[in-house]
Protein backbone atom coordinates (compact mmCIF):
# COMPACT_ATOMS: atom_id res chain seq x y z
CA UNK A 1 115.38 106.77 105.27
CA UNK A 2 117.78 105.92 102.77
CA UNK A 3 116.22 103.65 100.55
CA UNK A 4 118.18 100.63 98.09
CA UNK A 5 116.69 99.10 94.84
CA UNK A 6 114.44 96.18 95.91
CA UNK A 7 114.43 93.96 92.72
CA UNK A 8 117.06 93.34 90.03
CA UNK A 9 116.05 94.02 86.55
CA UNK A 10 114.91 90.32 85.40
CA UNK A 11 111.97 91.29 87.89
CA UNK A 12 110.79 93.18 84.60
CA UNK A 13 110.62 90.48 82.59
CA UNK A 14 107.34 90.78 80.10
CA UNK A 15 105.87 87.40 81.25
CA UNK A 16 106.43 88.03 84.88
CA UNK A 17 105.41 91.36 84.93
CA UNK A 18 103.39 92.42 81.99
CA UNK A 19 100.19 90.49 82.97
CA UNK A 20 97.02 91.92 81.46
CA UNK A 21 95.91 94.01 83.98
CA UNK A 22 99.10 95.71 84.15
CA UNK A 23 99.11 96.32 80.70
CA UNK A 24 95.57 98.36 81.28
CA UNK A 25 96.94 100.43 83.42
CA UNK A 26 100.07 101.52 80.79
CA UNK A 27 96.62 102.53 78.75
CA UNK A 28 95.36 104.52 81.76
CA UNK A 29 98.80 106.27 82.60
CA UNK A 30 99.43 107.01 78.51
CA UNK A 31 95.79 108.28 78.34
CA UNK A 32 96.23 110.38 81.71
CA UNK A 33 99.67 112.22 80.02
CA UNK A 34 99.00 112.07 76.07
CA UNK A 35 95.42 113.77 76.38
CA UNK A 36 96.28 116.97 77.74
CA UNK A 37 98.05 119.19 75.32
CA UNK A 38 99.08 121.59 78.54
CA UNK A 39 101.47 118.39 79.05
CA UNK A 40 104.84 118.88 77.36
CA UNK A 41 107.36 117.84 79.98
CA UNK A 42 106.66 114.68 82.35
CA UNK A 43 109.04 112.90 85.17
CA UNK A 44 108.30 109.51 85.96
CA UNK A 45 109.29 108.23 89.03
CA UNK A 46 110.45 104.98 88.93
CA UNK A 47 109.06 103.36 85.62
CA UNK A 48 110.55 100.35 85.57
CA UNK A 49 110.52 99.13 81.65
CA UNK A 50 110.26 102.13 78.99
CA UNK A 51 106.85 101.11 78.16
CA UNK A 52 105.25 104.73 78.77
CA UNK A 53 108.11 106.15 77.13
CA UNK A 54 108.21 104.27 74.13
CA UNK A 55 104.35 104.76 73.89
CA UNK A 56 104.61 108.60 74.60
CA UNK A 57 107.22 109.21 71.88
CA UNK A 58 105.30 107.99 68.96
CA UNK A 59 101.60 109.29 69.88
CA UNK A 60 103.10 113.07 71.84
CA UNK A 61 106.57 113.17 70.46
CA UNK A 62 106.47 116.80 71.66
CA UNK A 63 106.79 115.96 75.34
CA UNK A 64 110.27 115.45 76.94
CA UNK A 65 109.98 112.89 79.13
CA UNK A 66 112.40 111.87 81.85
CA UNK A 67 113.03 109.19 84.35
CA UNK A 68 114.00 109.08 88.60
CA UNK A 69 115.09 105.87 89.73
CA UNK A 70 117.50 104.68 92.59
CA UNK A 71 118.36 102.01 90.64
CA UNK A 72 121.63 102.25 88.41
CA UNK A 73 120.81 98.64 86.09
CA UNK A 74 117.25 100.87 85.11
CA UNK A 75 119.61 103.72 83.35
CA UNK A 76 117.12 106.24 84.80
CA UNK A 77 117.65 109.66 83.13
CA UNK A 78 117.62 111.09 86.88
CA UNK A 79 119.40 109.31 89.59
CA UNK A 80 117.70 109.71 93.32
CA UNK A 81 114.74 109.03 95.53
CA UNK A 82 111.16 110.43 95.07
CA UNK A 83 111.61 111.72 98.90
CA UNK A 84 114.61 114.04 97.54
CA UNK A 85 114.43 114.76 93.76
CA UNK A 86 117.52 116.31 92.71
CA UNK A 87 115.74 118.59 90.45
CA UNK A 88 115.09 122.27 90.70
CA UNK A 89 111.54 123.70 91.75
CA UNK A 90 108.76 123.76 88.86
CA UNK A 91 110.72 121.89 86.27
CA UNK A 92 108.39 119.30 84.81
CA UNK A 93 104.37 120.06 83.75
CA UNK A 94 104.05 116.50 85.38
CA UNK A 95 105.45 114.44 87.81
CA UNK A 96 104.10 110.49 88.25
CA UNK A 97 104.37 107.79 90.08
CA UNK A 98 102.49 105.12 89.07
CA UNK A 99 102.90 101.79 91.36
CA UNK A 100 105.81 103.37 92.90
CA UNK A 101 105.15 105.09 96.48
CA UNK A 102 104.20 101.50 98.25
CA UNK A 103 107.53 100.87 98.13
CA UNK A 104 108.75 103.56 100.69
CA UNK A 105 107.36 103.85 104.06
CA UNK A 106 104.08 105.42 105.00
CA UNK A 107 105.76 107.64 106.81
CA UNK A 108 107.64 108.94 104.04
CA UNK A 109 104.36 109.12 101.92
CA UNK A 110 103.50 112.74 102.31
CA UNK A 111 106.89 114.03 102.17
CA UNK A 112 107.40 112.06 98.60
CA UNK A 113 104.21 114.08 97.56
CA UNK A 114 105.90 116.95 98.38
CA UNK A 115 108.69 116.79 96.73
CA UNK A 116 106.75 115.93 93.61
CA UNK A 117 104.66 119.05 94.10
CA UNK A 118 107.89 120.90 94.18
CA UNK A 119 109.08 120.00 91.10
CA UNK A 120 106.09 119.61 89.45
CA UNK A 121 104.63 123.06 87.61
CA UNK A 122 101.02 121.61 86.63
CA UNK A 123 100.19 118.11 87.52
CA UNK A 124 100.80 115.26 89.99
CA UNK A 125 99.52 111.69 88.80
CA UNK A 126 99.64 108.63 91.03
CA UNK A 127 98.81 105.06 91.29
CA UNK A 128 98.52 102.45 94.01
CA UNK A 129 97.70 99.16 94.49
CA UNK A 130 94.41 99.02 96.33
CA UNK A 131 93.95 95.47 98.33
CA UNK A 132 90.95 93.27 97.93
CA UNK A 133 89.00 91.47 95.56
CA UNK A 134 86.23 92.89 93.72
CA UNK A 135 82.59 92.04 92.35
CA UNK A 136 82.92 92.56 88.63
CA UNK A 137 80.21 92.03 86.03
CA UNK A 138 80.62 92.83 81.95
CA UNK A 139 77.75 92.32 79.75
CA UNK A 140 77.59 92.60 76.17
CA UNK A 141 73.93 91.32 74.48
CA UNK A 142 73.79 92.89 70.91
CA UNK A 143 72.60 95.69 70.06
CA UNK A 144 73.11 97.14 73.75
CA UNK A 145 75.91 99.08 74.57
CA UNK A 146 78.75 97.40 76.56
CA UNK A 147 77.47 97.40 80.26
CA UNK A 148 80.58 96.90 82.91
CA UNK A 149 80.42 97.21 86.82
CA UNK A 150 82.86 96.44 89.44
CA UNK A 151 82.70 96.86 93.65
CA UNK A 152 85.31 96.73 95.56
CA UNK A 153 85.10 94.60 98.02
CA UNK A 154 86.78 95.95 102.09
CA UNK A 155 89.30 93.49 103.39
CA UNK A 156 90.90 95.34 106.11
CA UNK A 157 93.73 93.10 107.21
CA UNK A 158 97.23 94.06 108.90
CA UNK A 159 100.04 94.62 105.98
CA UNK A 160 103.32 91.93 106.41
CA UNK A 161 106.25 93.91 104.23
CA UNK A 162 106.83 91.78 101.63
CA UNK A 163 110.31 92.46 100.47
CA UNK A 164 108.40 95.59 98.07
CA UNK A 165 105.30 96.90 99.66
CA UNK A 166 105.73 98.89 102.83
CA UNK A 167 102.03 99.12 102.57
CA UNK A 168 98.71 99.08 100.80
CA UNK A 169 95.40 100.82 100.17
CA UNK A 170 92.50 99.09 101.71
CA UNK A 171 94.53 97.40 104.57
CA UNK A 172 94.51 98.20 108.11
CA UNK A 173 95.09 102.03 108.93
CA UNK A 174 95.56 102.39 105.15
CA UNK A 175 91.48 103.14 104.24
CA UNK A 176 91.18 105.19 100.77
CA UNK A 177 89.59 108.29 102.75
CA UNK A 178 92.81 108.29 104.86
CA UNK A 179 95.25 108.51 101.54
CA UNK A 180 92.49 111.06 99.86
CA UNK A 181 92.54 112.97 102.74
CA UNK A 182 96.31 113.61 102.85
CA UNK A 183 96.51 113.89 99.27
CA UNK A 184 93.46 116.78 99.47
CA UNK A 185 95.75 118.72 101.59
CA UNK A 186 98.20 119.78 98.64
CA UNK A 187 96.34 118.97 95.44
CA UNK A 188 92.87 119.41 94.02
CA UNK A 189 92.15 115.83 93.19
CA UNK A 190 90.57 116.10 89.47
CA UNK A 191 89.90 112.53 88.88
CA UNK A 192 90.38 108.80 91.37
CA UNK A 193 89.30 105.80 89.89
CA UNK A 194 90.24 101.96 89.93
CA UNK A 195 90.31 100.64 86.32
CA UNK A 196 87.53 98.37 85.69
CA UNK A 197 90.50 95.80 83.72
CA UNK A 198 92.63 96.29 87.05
CA UNK A 199 91.11 96.27 89.95
CA UNK A 200 94.20 96.02 92.25
CA UNK A 201 95.42 99.91 90.89
CA UNK A 202 93.58 102.81 92.13
CA UNK A 203 94.55 106.33 90.27
CA UNK A 204 94.87 109.69 91.76
CA UNK A 205 94.50 112.14 88.90
CA UNK A 206 96.03 115.51 90.74
CA UNK A 207 96.40 119.27 89.78
CA UNK A 208 98.79 121.61 92.01
CA UNK A 209 96.61 124.11 94.28
């Protein structure tokens, strides 16, 4: 399927896009990349605003960072779709798609993963929306250490396309186990988590088998 841009650039305005939970998701994105010394090149699929680029340029200026997108107005380094990346095999140490793959139909999900694997030498990092509420506990009683705990509340309703998301983890037919099994066919999942600060984003940190 040929995909077209779904939103205008104004969608990424600070007030609308950078809510506190998403802000923290950027912290986790940065941490996963910057903390690994064996990463020296990154392809970021559909990043929207250049937040990650700017932070990495300060903390890890040794990393060669490029973007891929289908939207001209976002001025990507490489124009193209995640289902057909116009890049040679094994070009980047890491390929990441944070809150991106839900914007393509589920039938193309594995196609996109295989393309990301093809152009990566080491890692593929993905985050996806995980639908449903959560019970959150955050306690700090000096001099005790901070205690935090969160539990996702399953709510497997049928997903309805909203103009952007074709599917979301946690909705009917898209259980976390199903998504995980698809990924494990092609990768070793070295970490999987939902950040306490953003219970809507589920991260998968994967290594090429």
